[in-house]
Protein backbone atom coordinates (compact mmCIF):
# COMPACT_ATOMS: atom_id res chain seq x y z
CA MET A 1 34.36 -27.54 -22.85
CA PRO A 2 31.86 -29.36 -21.25
CA ALA A 3 29.70 -31.44 -23.66
CA ALA A 4 26.44 -30.52 -24.65
CA THR A 5 23.48 -31.51 -22.69
CA ARG A 6 20.89 -33.24 -24.52
CA PHE A 7 17.37 -31.86 -24.03
CA THR A 8 15.69 -34.96 -23.38
CA THR A 9 17.85 -35.89 -20.32
CA PHE A 10 16.14 -33.29 -18.18
CA PRO A 11 12.93 -34.49 -16.65
CA GLU A 12 9.66 -33.94 -18.43
CA GLU A 13 8.64 -31.36 -16.06
CA ILE A 14 11.79 -29.08 -16.57
CA GLN A 15 11.56 -29.80 -20.29
CA GLY A 16 7.92 -28.37 -20.23
CA LEU A 17 8.91 -25.27 -18.24
CA ILE A 18 11.54 -24.52 -20.91
CA LEU A 19 8.94 -25.00 -23.83
CA ALA A 20 6.66 -22.97 -21.78
CA ARG A 21 9.05 -19.67 -21.43
CA CYS A 22 8.88 -19.88 -25.28
CA GLY A 23 5.01 -18.53 -24.93
CA LEU A 24 1.72 -20.52 -24.53
CA GLU A 25 -0.10 -18.89 -26.84
CA ASP A 26 -2.92 -20.20 -29.05
CA CYS A 27 -1.00 -22.91 -30.83
CA PRO A 28 2.55 -22.60 -30.30
CA PRO A 29 4.71 -23.49 -33.36
CA PHE A 30 6.89 -25.78 -31.20
CA VAL A 31 4.16 -28.14 -30.26
CA LEU A 32 4.14 -28.96 -33.90
CA PHE A 33 7.59 -30.30 -33.83
CA CYS A 34 6.96 -33.79 -32.85
CA LYS A 35 4.47 -35.48 -30.48
CA ALA A 36 6.74 -35.60 -27.60
CA TRP A 37 6.76 -31.74 -27.25
CA HIS A 38 3.12 -31.56 -27.89
CA ARG A 39 2.18 -34.01 -24.86
CA LEU A 40 4.82 -32.06 -23.01
CA VAL A 41 2.84 -29.04 -23.37
CA TYR A 42 -0.48 -29.67 -23.17
CA GLU A 43 -0.66 -32.68 -20.65
CA GLN A 44 1.38 -30.90 -17.89
CA PRO A 45 -0.91 -29.63 -15.26
CA GLU A 46 1.43 -27.25 -13.82
CA LEU A 47 1.78 -25.21 -16.96
CA TRP A 48 -1.62 -24.08 -16.98
CA ARG A 49 -2.36 -23.85 -13.35
CA SER A 50 -2.36 -19.87 -13.77
CA LEU A 51 -3.19 -18.54 -17.08
CA ARG A 52 -3.54 -14.63 -18.00
CA VAL A 53 -5.64 -13.53 -21.16
CA HIS A 54 -5.41 -10.23 -22.45
CA VAL A 55 -8.11 -9.34 -25.01
CA PRO A 56 -6.43 -7.13 -27.92
CA GLU A 57 -7.96 -4.07 -29.33
CA SER A 58 -9.88 -4.57 -32.59
CA GLY A 59 -11.80 -2.22 -35.13
CA SER A 60 -14.75 -4.65 -35.48
CA THR A 61 -17.93 -4.59 -33.64
CA THR A 62 -20.88 -6.71 -32.28
CA GLY A 63 -24.37 -6.51 -33.50
CA GLY A 64 -24.83 -4.03 -30.87
CA GLY A 65 -22.32 -1.68 -31.78
CA SER A 66 -19.83 -2.74 -29.27
CA PRO A 67 -16.07 -3.18 -29.92
CA ALA A 68 -15.09 -6.96 -30.16
CA PRO A 69 -11.84 -8.68 -30.32
CA PRO A 70 -10.38 -10.22 -33.77
CA LEU A 71 -12.75 -13.40 -34.48
CA ARG A 72 -9.34 -15.26 -35.25
CA TRP A 73 -8.07 -14.63 -31.89
CA LEU A 74 -11.17 -15.66 -30.20
CA ALA A 75 -11.34 -18.76 -32.28
CA GLY A 76 -7.86 -19.81 -30.97
CA LYS A 77 -8.64 -18.62 -27.11
CA LEU A 78 -11.90 -20.91 -27.47
CA ALA A 79 -10.04 -23.69 -28.81
CA LEU A 80 -7.16 -23.30 -25.94
CA ARG A 81 -9.66 -23.26 -23.27
CA ARG A 82 -11.35 -26.53 -24.36
CA ARG A 83 -8.24 -28.17 -24.29
CA VAL A 84 -6.47 -26.96 -20.79
CA GLY A 85 -9.47 -25.73 -19.21
CA PRO A 86 -9.84 -28.34 -16.65
CA LEU A 87 -6.42 -27.74 -15.83
CA VAL A 88 -6.51 -23.91 -14.84
CA SER A 89 -7.13 -23.00 -11.22
CA ARG A 90 -6.10 -19.44 -11.55
CA LEU A 91 -7.44 -17.05 -14.12
CA HIS A 92 -7.04 -13.85 -15.18
CA LEU A 93 -8.90 -12.08 -17.94
CA VAL A 94 -8.15 -8.68 -18.89
CA GLY A 95 -10.01 -6.27 -21.44
CA SER A 96 -8.23 -3.94 -23.55
CA GLY A 97 -9.26 -0.55 -24.05
CA SER A 98 -12.91 -0.40 -25.03
CA VAL A 99 -12.74 -4.31 -25.90
CA GLY A 100 -14.29 -6.43 -23.12
CA VAL A 101 -13.58 -10.12 -22.35
CA PRO A 102 -15.95 -12.16 -24.60
CA PRO A 103 -18.63 -14.24 -22.33
CA GLN A 104 -17.65 -17.32 -24.59
CA LEU A 105 -14.48 -17.71 -22.68
CA LEU A 106 -15.98 -18.69 -19.12
CA PRO A 107 -18.00 -21.60 -19.88
CA CYS A 108 -14.95 -23.40 -21.43
CA LEU A 109 -13.42 -23.54 -18.11
CA GLN A 110 -13.79 -26.41 -15.52
CA GLN A 111 -16.03 -24.58 -12.95
CA ALA A 112 -15.42 -26.78 -10.16
CA THR A 113 -11.61 -26.67 -10.25
CA LEU A 114 -10.97 -22.88 -10.89
CA GLU A 115 -10.01 -21.06 -7.38
CA GLU A 116 -9.11 -17.72 -8.43
CA LEU A 117 -10.63 -15.39 -10.94
CA ILE A 118 -9.58 -11.79 -11.82
CA LEU A 119 -12.19 -10.42 -14.31
CA THR A 120 -11.38 -6.83 -15.56
CA GLN A 121 -13.71 -4.99 -17.98
CA PRO A 122 -13.17 -1.89 -19.42
CA ARG A 123 -16.59 -0.63 -19.99
CA GLU A 124 -19.02 -2.94 -18.09
CA LEU A 125 -19.98 -6.46 -16.98
CA PRO A 126 -22.68 -7.81 -18.60
CA PRO A 127 -25.35 -9.37 -16.48
CA ALA A 128 -25.36 -12.59 -18.44
CA MET A 129 -21.50 -12.85 -17.96
CA ALA A 130 -21.92 -12.18 -13.85
CA SER A 131 -24.63 -14.86 -13.99
CA THR A 132 -22.23 -17.34 -15.38
CA LEU A 133 -19.90 -16.81 -12.59
CA THR A 134 -22.40 -18.75 -10.11
CA GLY A 135 -21.16 -21.91 -11.69
CA PHE A 136 -17.88 -21.63 -10.13
CA SER A 137 -18.51 -23.07 -6.79
CA GLY A 138 -14.79 -23.78 -5.97
CA LEU A 139 -13.65 -20.21 -6.09
CA HIS A 140 -11.61 -18.84 -2.93
CA SER A 141 -10.69 -15.59 -4.57
CA LEU A 142 -12.73 -13.19 -6.80
CA GLU A 143 -11.73 -9.90 -8.19
CA LEU A 144 -14.27 -8.23 -10.34
CA ALA A 145 -13.47 -4.50 -11.86
CA VAL A 146 -15.26 -2.43 -14.05
CA LEU A 147 -13.15 0.58 -15.08
CA GLY A 148 -15.86 2.47 -16.59
CA THR A 149 -18.70 4.32 -15.08
CA ARG A 150 -21.14 1.61 -15.13
CA PRO A 151 -22.08 -0.21 -11.84
CA LEU A 152 -21.52 -3.90 -11.28
CA PRO A 153 -24.88 -5.91 -11.79
CA LEU A 154 -26.70 -6.97 -8.84
CA THR A 155 -26.58 -10.63 -10.15
CA THR A 156 -22.87 -10.67 -8.96
CA THR A 157 -24.20 -11.46 -5.42
CA GLN A 158 -25.56 -14.75 -6.69
CA ALA A 159 -21.73 -15.41 -7.57
CA VAL A 160 -20.77 -14.52 -4.04
CA ALA A 161 -23.32 -17.06 -2.53
CA ALA A 162 -22.58 -19.81 -4.64
CA ALA A 163 -18.82 -20.18 -3.61
CA PRO A 164 -19.11 -21.62 0.00
CA GLY A 165 -15.03 -21.50 0.15
CA LEU A 166 -14.83 -17.79 -0.98
CA ARG A 167 -12.27 -16.05 1.21
CA ARG A 168 -11.20 -13.37 -0.87
CA LEU A 169 -13.39 -10.90 -2.70
CA THR A 170 -12.66 -7.62 -4.55
CA LEU A 171 -15.10 -5.43 -5.96
CA MET A 172 -14.41 -2.13 -8.31
CA ALA A 173 -16.75 -0.23 -10.32
CA GLY A 174 -17.95 3.22 -10.91
CA ARG A 175 -20.72 2.72 -8.34
CA LEU A 176 -21.17 -0.23 -5.87
CA GLN A 177 -25.24 -0.20 -4.81
CA PRO A 178 -25.71 -0.72 -1.31
CA ALA A 179 -27.74 -4.03 -2.48
CA LEU A 180 -24.61 -5.18 -3.74
CA LEU A 181 -22.68 -4.67 -0.22
CA ARG A 182 -25.66 -6.56 1.51
CA GLY A 183 -24.98 -9.26 -0.97
CA CYS A 184 -21.59 -9.82 0.22
CA LEU A 185 -22.93 -11.02 3.91
CA ALA A 186 -23.86 -14.26 2.43
CA ALA A 187 -19.97 -14.90 2.42
CA GLN A 188 -19.74 -15.12 5.95
CA GLN A 189 -16.37 -16.99 5.85
CA LEU A 190 -14.88 -13.87 3.86
CA THR A 191 -11.32 -13.06 5.32
CA LEU A 192 -10.19 -9.91 2.81
CA LEU A 193 -12.89 -7.52 0.96
CA GLU A 194 -11.88 -4.77 -0.99
CA LEU A 195 -14.34 -2.11 -2.26
CA THR A 196 -13.57 0.71 -4.60
CA SER A 197 -16.33 3.32 -6.13
CA SER A 198 -15.06 5.58 -8.48
CA ASP A 199 -17.85 7.88 -9.38
CA VAL A 200 -20.29 7.93 -6.35
CA PRO A 201 -19.65 7.52 -2.80
CA LEU A 202 -19.65 4.23 -1.24
CA PRO A 203 -23.14 2.78 0.47
CA PRO A 204 -22.77 2.79 4.41
CA LEU A 205 -20.28 0.44 5.49
CA HIS A 206 -21.81 -0.49 8.98
CA PRO A 207 -23.59 -3.80 7.55
CA LEU A 208 -20.14 -5.09 6.79
CA THR A 209 -19.47 -5.53 10.64
CA ALA A 210 -21.55 -8.95 10.24
CA LEU A 211 -18.50 -10.62 8.52
CA THR A 212 -16.85 -11.61 11.92
CA ALA A 213 -14.12 -13.50 10.10
CA LEU A 214 -12.93 -10.58 8.29
CA ARG A 215 -9.19 -9.89 8.45
CA GLU A 216 -8.70 -7.08 5.92
CA LEU A 217 -11.18 -4.67 4.80
CA SER A 218 -10.37 -2.05 2.34
CA ALA A 219 -12.71 0.86 1.09
CA PHE A 220 -11.81 3.15 -1.36
CA GLU A 221 -13.97 6.30 -2.84
CA TRP A 222 -12.93 8.92 -4.99
CA CYS A 223 -15.27 11.45 -3.58
CA SER A 224 -17.49 11.67 -0.44
CA GLY A 225 -20.95 12.20 0.36
CA ALA A 226 -22.73 14.47 2.86
CA GLY A 227 -20.66 14.24 5.89
CA GLY A 228 -18.00 11.97 4.56
CA MET A 229 -17.31 8.43 4.63
CA ARG A 230 -17.85 7.03 8.25
CA PRO A 231 -14.93 4.36 8.82
CA LEU A 232 -15.27 1.34 10.74
CA PRO A 233 -13.07 1.00 13.92
CA LEU A 234 -11.00 -1.74 15.02
CA SER A 235 -13.38 -2.90 17.53
CA ALA A 236 -16.08 -3.87 14.51
CA PHE A 237 -14.43 -7.04 13.76
CA PRO A 238 -12.91 -9.49 16.23
CA ALA A 239 -10.39 -10.67 13.67
CA ILE A 240 -9.28 -8.00 11.98
CA ARG A 241 -5.49 -7.10 11.01
CA ARG A 242 -5.95 -4.44 8.43
CA LEU A 243 -8.20 -1.76 7.93
CA ALA A 244 -7.67 0.99 4.88
CA PHE A 245 -9.88 3.64 3.98
CA ARG A 246 -9.66 6.62 1.18
CA SER A 247 -12.35 9.27 0.42
CA THR A 248 -11.96 13.12 0.40
CA ALA A 249 -13.51 13.32 3.77
CA PHE A 250 -14.18 11.27 6.87
CA GLN A 251 -16.74 11.46 9.86
CA LEU A 252 -14.61 9.92 12.47
CA ALA A 253 -17.63 10.47 15.03
CA ASP A 254 -19.77 12.90 15.94
CA GLY A 255 -18.24 16.42 15.40
CA LEU A 256 -14.92 14.88 14.72
CA GLU A 257 -14.24 15.21 10.92
CA ALA A 258 -11.18 14.47 8.81
CA ARG A 259 -10.49 15.98 5.58
CA SER A 260 -7.98 15.71 2.73
CA ALA A 261 -5.22 18.47 2.52
CA PRO A 262 -5.55 21.23 0.22
CA GLY A 263 -4.42 20.62 -3.05
CA ALA A 264 -4.49 16.60 -2.41
CA ARG A 265 -6.98 14.56 -4.45
CA TYR A 266 -8.05 12.37 -1.53
CA ALA A 267 -6.89 11.40 1.99
CA MET A 268 -5.96 7.76 2.91
CA PHE A 269 -5.25 5.93 5.96
CA GLN A 270 -4.69 2.31 7.02
CA LEU A 271 -4.20 0.52 10.42
CA ARG A 272 -1.93 -3.00 10.13
CA MET A 273 -1.44 -5.14 12.48
CA LEU A 274 2.84 -6.15 12.26
CA PRO A 275 3.77 -9.82 12.30
CA ALA A 276 4.80 -11.36 15.64
CA ALA A 277 8.53 -11.07 14.78
CA ALA A 278 9.50 -7.49 13.17
CA ALA A 279 12.62 -7.40 10.97
CA GLN A 280 15.83 -5.52 12.06
CA PRO A 281 17.68 -3.03 10.34
CA SER A 282 19.15 -4.45 7.33
CA PRO A 283 23.00 -3.14 6.33
CA HIS A 284 21.83 -3.69 2.42
CA LEU A 285 19.92 -0.48 2.01
CA ARG A 286 18.08 1.21 -0.93
CA PRO A 287 18.56 4.89 -1.27
CA SER A 288 15.32 6.83 -0.62
CA GLN A 289 13.68 4.10 1.30
CA PRO A 290 12.89 3.87 4.88
CA VAL A 291 15.31 2.22 6.72
CA GLY A 292 15.52 0.54 10.14
CA GLN A 293 12.90 -1.33 12.25
CA PRO A 294 12.76 -1.59 16.29
CA ALA A 295 12.27 -4.75 17.81
CA ALA A 296 8.37 -5.98 18.32
CA SER A 297 7.03 -4.93 21.51
CA ALA A 298 4.44 -7.78 22.08
CA SER A 299 1.93 -5.90 23.22
CA PRO A 300 -1.03 -7.89 24.56
CA GLY A 301 -3.43 -6.73 21.65
CA GLY A 302 -0.84 -6.86 18.89
CA ASP A 303 1.25 -4.40 17.56
CA TRP A 304 -0.18 -1.83 15.01
CA VAL A 305 1.08 0.55 12.14
CA PHE A 306 -0.98 3.60 11.26
CA ALA A 307 -0.27 4.98 7.83
CA CYS A 308 -1.76 7.97 6.50
CA SER A 309 -1.36 10.22 3.34
CA GLY A 310 -3.02 13.24 2.18
CA LEU A 311 -4.38 14.15 5.73
CA GLU A 312 -5.09 17.88 7.28
CA LEU A 313 -4.16 17.42 11.08
CA GLY A 314 -4.04 20.24 13.60
CA ARG A 315 -6.03 21.72 16.32
CA GLU A 316 -9.58 20.85 14.72
CA LEU A 317 -8.40 17.16 14.66
CA PRO A 318 -5.49 16.16 16.83
CA LEU A 319 -4.00 12.80 15.80
CA HIS A 320 -4.67 11.08 19.29
CA ALA A 321 -8.50 11.88 18.70
CA MET A 322 -8.44 10.30 15.25
CA LEU A 323 -6.63 7.12 16.65
CA ARG A 324 -8.89 6.83 19.63
CA ALA A 325 -12.01 7.13 17.02
CA LEU A 326 -10.60 4.21 15.39
CA GLY A 327 -10.22 2.24 18.24
CA VAL A 328 -6.52 2.25 18.98
CA ARG A 329 -6.23 1.66 22.66
CA GLY A 330 -3.22 2.13 25.15
CA ALA A 331 0.44 1.74 23.51
CA SER A 332 -0.37 -0.88 21.12
CA LEU A 333 0.67 1.66 17.97
CA VAL A 334 4.32 0.92 17.75
CA ARG A 335 4.91 2.58 14.05
CA LEU A 336 3.48 6.07 12.76
CA SER A 337 3.93 7.01 8.82
CA MET A 338 2.62 10.15 7.39
CA GLU A 339 3.20 11.22 3.58
CA GLU A 340 2.05 14.30 2.21
CA CYS A 341 0.26 15.34 5.34
CA GLN A 342 -0.51 18.98 6.10
CA LEU A 343 0.65 19.18 9.65
CA SER A 344 0.92 22.03 12.89
CA PRO A 345 2.29 21.19 16.20
CA ALA A 346 -1.16 21.31 17.60
CA ALA A 347 -1.91 18.09 15.79
CA PHE A 348 0.48 16.23 18.23
CA LEU A 349 -0.86 18.11 21.65
CA PRO A 350 -1.40 15.47 24.10
CA PRO A 351 -4.88 14.15 25.13
CA PRO A 352 -7.10 15.44 28.13
CA PRO A 353 -6.01 14.47 31.80
CA GLY A 354 -6.95 10.86 32.52
CA SER A 355 -6.88 9.64 28.94
CA SER A 356 -4.18 7.34 27.51
CA ASP A 357 -2.15 8.62 24.69
CA PRO A 358 -2.02 6.43 21.83
CA LEU A 359 1.02 7.81 20.68
CA ALA A 360 3.11 6.86 23.73
CA GLY A 361 4.24 3.46 22.43
CA VAL A 362 5.41 4.64 18.84
CA GLN A 363 8.73 3.52 18.27
CA ARG A 364 9.28 4.38 14.63
CA LEU A 365 8.01 7.55 12.51
CA ILE A 366 8.44 7.83 9.14
CA LEU A 367 7.63 11.40 7.97
CA GLU A 368 7.54 11.91 3.93
CA SER A 369 7.10 14.92 1.94
CA LEU A 370 5.65 17.12 4.80
CA LEU A 371 3.23 20.05 3.97
CA PRO A 372 3.22 23.12 6.14
CA ALA A 373 0.04 24.14 8.04
CA GLY A 374 -1.50 26.79 5.99
CA GLY A 375 -0.10 25.82 3.00
CA GLY A 376 1.55 29.41 2.33
CA GLY A 377 4.83 29.37 0.28
CA GLY A 378 6.23 26.31 1.86
CA ASN A 379 6.48 27.65 5.69
CA PHE A 380 5.27 25.86 8.43
CA ALA A 381 2.63 27.94 10.36
CA ALA A 382 3.39 28.19 14.23
CA GLU A 383 0.50 26.93 15.97
CA GLY A 384 -0.41 25.76 19.63
CA GLY A 385 1.65 28.36 21.58
CA GLN A 386 4.73 28.43 19.23
CA PRO A 387 6.63 31.63 18.09
CA HIS A 388 4.81 33.76 15.66
CA GLN A 389 6.19 36.50 13.74
CA PRO A 390 5.19 40.28 14.66
CA GLY A 391 1.59 40.81 13.50
CA GLY A 392 0.61 37.36 13.81
CA GLY A 393 2.36 35.75 10.79
CA ALA A 394 4.07 32.37 10.45
CA ALA A 395 6.96 31.56 11.94
CA PRO A 396 10.35 31.50 10.00
CA PRO A 397 10.71 27.86 8.22
CA SER A 398 13.32 26.93 10.78
CA GLU A 399 11.09 27.69 13.82
CA GLY A 400 7.85 26.21 12.01
CA LEU A 401 9.58 22.96 11.37
CA ASP A 402 11.52 22.67 14.76
CA ALA A 403 8.18 23.52 16.65
CA LEU A 404 6.43 20.70 14.72
CA LEU A 405 9.29 18.05 15.37
CA ARG A 406 9.72 19.09 19.17
CA GLN A 407 5.91 18.53 19.68
CA MET A 408 6.11 15.03 17.88
CA MET A 409 9.02 14.03 20.22
CA LEU A 410 7.17 15.02 23.13
CA SER A 411 4.25 13.05 22.52
CA MET A 412 6.41 9.97 21.63
CA PRO A 413 8.88 9.31 24.31
CA ARG A 414 9.87 5.86 23.09
CA LEU A 415 10.93 6.77 19.75
CA SER A 416 14.14 4.93 18.45
CA VAL A 417 13.81 5.10 14.72
CA LEU A 418 13.08 8.22 12.63
CA ASN A 419 13.07 8.37 8.73
CA LEU A 420 12.46 12.11 7.08
CA LEU A 421 12.03 11.55 3.47
CA GLY A 422 11.60 14.38 0.79
CA THR A 423 11.08 17.22 3.23
CA PRO A 424 13.62 20.11 2.51
CA LEU A 425 15.40 21.12 5.95
CA PRO A 426 15.44 25.06 5.89
CA GLY A 427 19.12 26.26 5.93
CA GLY A 428 20.46 22.68 4.82
CA SER A 429 20.88 21.54 8.49
CA PRO A 430 18.62 19.31 11.03
CA PRO A 431 16.43 21.21 13.37
CA ALA A 432 17.76 21.66 16.81
CA SER A 433 14.84 19.43 18.31
CA LEU A 434 15.92 16.51 15.97
CA LEU A 435 19.47 16.68 17.25
CA GLN A 436 18.26 16.04 21.04
CA LEU A 437 16.51 12.71 20.15
CA THR A 438 18.91 11.05 22.52
CA ARG A 439 17.03 7.26 22.44
CA LEU A 440 17.23 7.24 18.34
CA THR A 441 19.22 4.10 17.10
CA VAL A 442 18.29 4.59 13.40
CA LEU A 443 18.16 8.25 11.71
CA GLN A 444 17.34 8.66 7.99
CA MET A 445 17.43 11.92 6.35
CA SER A 446 16.85 11.27 2.44
CA GLY A 447 16.11 14.03 -0.06
CA CYS A 448 15.91 16.67 2.49
CA GLN A 449 18.56 19.05 0.97
CA LEU A 450 20.85 18.49 3.96
CA ALA A 451 24.14 20.12 3.60
CA THR A 452 25.70 19.70 6.98
CA LEU A 453 25.48 17.54 10.03
CA PRO A 454 26.31 19.42 13.18
CA GLN A 455 28.08 17.67 16.34
CA SER A 456 25.60 16.26 18.44
CA PRO A 457 24.94 13.47 21.04
CA VAL A 458 22.28 11.69 18.96
CA VAL A 459 25.02 10.91 16.40
CA SER A 460 27.36 9.10 18.86
CA ARG A 461 24.53 6.78 19.62
CA LEU A 462 23.34 5.80 16.28
CA ALA A 463 23.66 2.33 14.76
CA VAL A 464 21.98 3.44 11.16
CA LEU A 465 22.35 7.10 9.54
CA ALA A 466 21.27 7.25 6.12
CA LEU A 467 22.14 10.64 4.26
CA ASP A 468 21.17 9.77 0.73
CA SER A 469 20.05 12.06 -1.71
CA ASN A 470 21.17 15.33 -0.31
CA ASN A 471 23.32 18.24 -0.87
CA LEU A 472 26.37 16.94 1.14
CA GLU A 473 29.76 18.09 -0.38
CA VAL A 474 32.10 17.01 2.22
CA LEU A 475 31.83 14.04 4.85
CA PRO A 476 30.35 15.69 7.91
CA PRO A 477 32.74 15.94 10.89
CA ALA A 478 30.15 14.48 13.51
CA LEU A 479 30.89 11.24 11.73
CA ALA A 480 33.83 11.12 13.52
CA GLY A 481 31.99 10.69 17.02
CA ALA A 482 29.92 8.13 15.84
CA ARG A 483 31.68 5.32 17.60
CA GLN A 484 28.36 2.76 17.45
CA LEU A 485 27.71 3.33 14.02
CA GLU A 486 27.48 -0.13 12.08
CA THR A 487 25.57 1.40 8.39
CA LEU A 488 26.22 4.44 7.05
CA VAL A 489 24.53 5.35 3.44
CA LEU A 490 25.85 8.41 1.60
CA THR A 491 24.70 7.68 -2.04
CA GLY A 492 23.04 10.16 -4.27
CA ASN A 493 25.00 13.27 -2.99
CA PRO A 494 26.50 14.32 -6.50
CA GLU A 495 28.72 16.93 -4.95
CA LEU A 496 30.45 14.94 -2.34
CA ARG A 497 34.05 14.29 -2.00
CA VAL A 498 35.74 12.33 0.35
CA ALA A 499 39.12 12.91 0.98
CA ALA A 500 41.79 10.45 2.38
CA ALA A 501 41.91 12.30 5.53
CA ASP A 502 38.21 11.93 5.88
CA VAL A 503 38.66 8.34 5.63
CA GLU A 504 41.34 8.01 8.44
CA ALA A 505 39.30 10.39 10.77
CA GLY A 506 36.19 8.07 10.36
CA GLY A 507 38.15 4.90 10.62
CA ALA A 508 36.66 3.93 13.71
CA LEU A 509 33.26 3.68 12.67
CA GLY A 510 31.87 0.36 13.30
CA ALA A 511 34.54 -0.62 15.53
């Protein structure tokens, strides 16, 4: 056996990291072992660059009746902050339950060296504590969250104005006042802004267009005001790379409204620019996760992704109208992701003649847990000239889903990657329209109650096929013709039995 390595033979930086794994508490017991270990822990800046403090629950109260942390805990934390405060550059303070972060902790820090601060209060952010933040002039990132119903104090704007290098700002509370949003305009250098209001609607977002350096904007509210949230289009920000909005209703343009699907708590959508080089399909796939990625198309204005959840789309709100209202132009949209959206075929009808179709450039489509239009009994309602049952009722499930997918595919002629997740397939078989997508190179049907895969030209052209988490009992015979298949995923089919003859028949896979 090799001789044991002496602890002191490691570089001091490594020794300090090892000791830090034992826990950097108020006074770790091992620092009392010897002076060398005491020095290793408290005089290594890298150990204290990032610090997280979680306030414990306590039964005691302050003079005003508010819950307070244990006095012994507070004394230990204050002593620790005074010792290592000048070394901390990233600090995360989290209140626990009804116990907030004590205001005494902030003055113990070296205000000029702190670059990132996350402060989470369970009930409210006292104005005095918000005023203390104005001393942290070196902040690059600031996140303030109040988990209760109280608003953030207006003195928060002073902290924003006092940090000339502030690039990232996150504000979360029960209510964000209009004056607070106007105060954000003092930080013209902001590149990321995230706003969340849990109890009342957000103020109008239009003033934020003055933040010309903004690259990422998120605006979330749990309830909408009269007419709904008015999201900002891509054209409002010259440097924007990501826009995300969440509400129960949206006023996209005059006479064009988007709303959450029946039964959904809210609707959410985002536009995000893809990196210059998109990843290629990976042979190492996780079950029930979207797989495959087409190559980037290098559009002049960048390639964009549109992802939405909980939306209701149909004849009153076609997808092309929504995308155009959000500023999507030409064929810049290359990926479309829709989760728990209520859809009908009319949502994918083409735009009026002479108008460009923002869906024409989509190469990848992700559909997860689709909801049928009308919400009746799990059947997709027929709409937009699709077959109806006698008496004007809904089409059978297979016809409704087939009509929806058929119209989707007509609007996306460049589609090469399709991920269908968590949407039960009527009869346990793919719709006929899906099997006609001969341009597909990646097909995923995960958690779709798939029981069989018929012979189809689409299978013979696939490079990646994922059929995980389904009801397959035998290896689909269609795989014998999959001569270009490189990756096959069959995990999560508990009744699947693969015989030796099946393996021999599929021996040409990947050849």
